[in-house]
Each structure stands twice: as C-alpha cells, then as structure tokens.
C-alpha cells in the first residue's frame, strides 16, 4: 500500500490553536510568589474534565517507535481535554487532524515540539498517541477519570512522517 508523506512544522500557538493550547512558559503571565523565591507561569492551559469527570495527573513513559514512523490511526477523547508536557528537554511530535465523527485525512498535521513545550488537546480533537524522538521520554499528563466513553479510535492513511 502506498503511504502518504506528512511533513512536520514547528509547534506554535497560532498554528495549533484549532486543536487546543500550546503549553509553554514563554509569553505567559508571570507572578512573583513565595517571597520572591519563585516565579509562577500562570494559567498555561485550561483543563476540562468534562461532565461527571475529575482532573487527574499521570506520568506516561513513552518509547520511540520504529522508523519510519507510520500514522495509521487517530484517537480522540470526546468528553474531556488531555494535556501532555515533557519532563525532559527533548523534541517530540504532535499529530492532529480536524473532523467530527471521523478524522479528515486531508487536515492531518504534524508539529515538532521542543522539550519546553506541551500541548492541551481540546475535547474531541483527533490525535495520534504520543510520539517521541528520543529512545525514551516521560510526560506529565493531565486528563480525565470518570464514567462515560472517553476514547474513540479510527483508522487513517497510512501516512509516513517525513523528518
């Protein structure tokens, strides 16, 4: 089967806005706290646990996928947002698409995030599971725990990421 090629672009707030929020300290509201011994980068993203859910924090331990990286499915969480923030300063990839009941393959985009950038997927945004370029990379995750079906998966492509 022939694979489409998917080029990656730099992760910016403007480019990612249709899918959610970029989480980064640069340009954030800064507050001096703790008698001047700390700076708070305030409200970097809004966690939405959805109806009947509660926000939880987890750590994902991600490993690099074999090369070439093939995108053959996307998932979404229709009830709540989901945020990923790397715990190390290493680049990683974010693959998203628009679509309501299913992802629109023509809207597929790949973003290259640096190790100081995270993302907060808006509820219902189609995305590929976390993609790391390092051998292993850990992420702090903010997402939902609660009743209801909060995971949809659909096939796409396949597309090969052009690095």
Foldseek 3Di string as FASTA:
>chain_A
DDFAEAEAAADDQVVCVVFFGKQFLPPADWDQDDVRPDIDRPPSHDWFQAPFKDKDKDKDKDFADDPQDKAWKWKFFQGTKKKKAWPDFAKWKKWWADDQPGGDQVRIHMHIYTNRIMTIGGHRTIIDPTHGPDRITMIMMIYIDGDDDGMDMDTDGTHTYDD
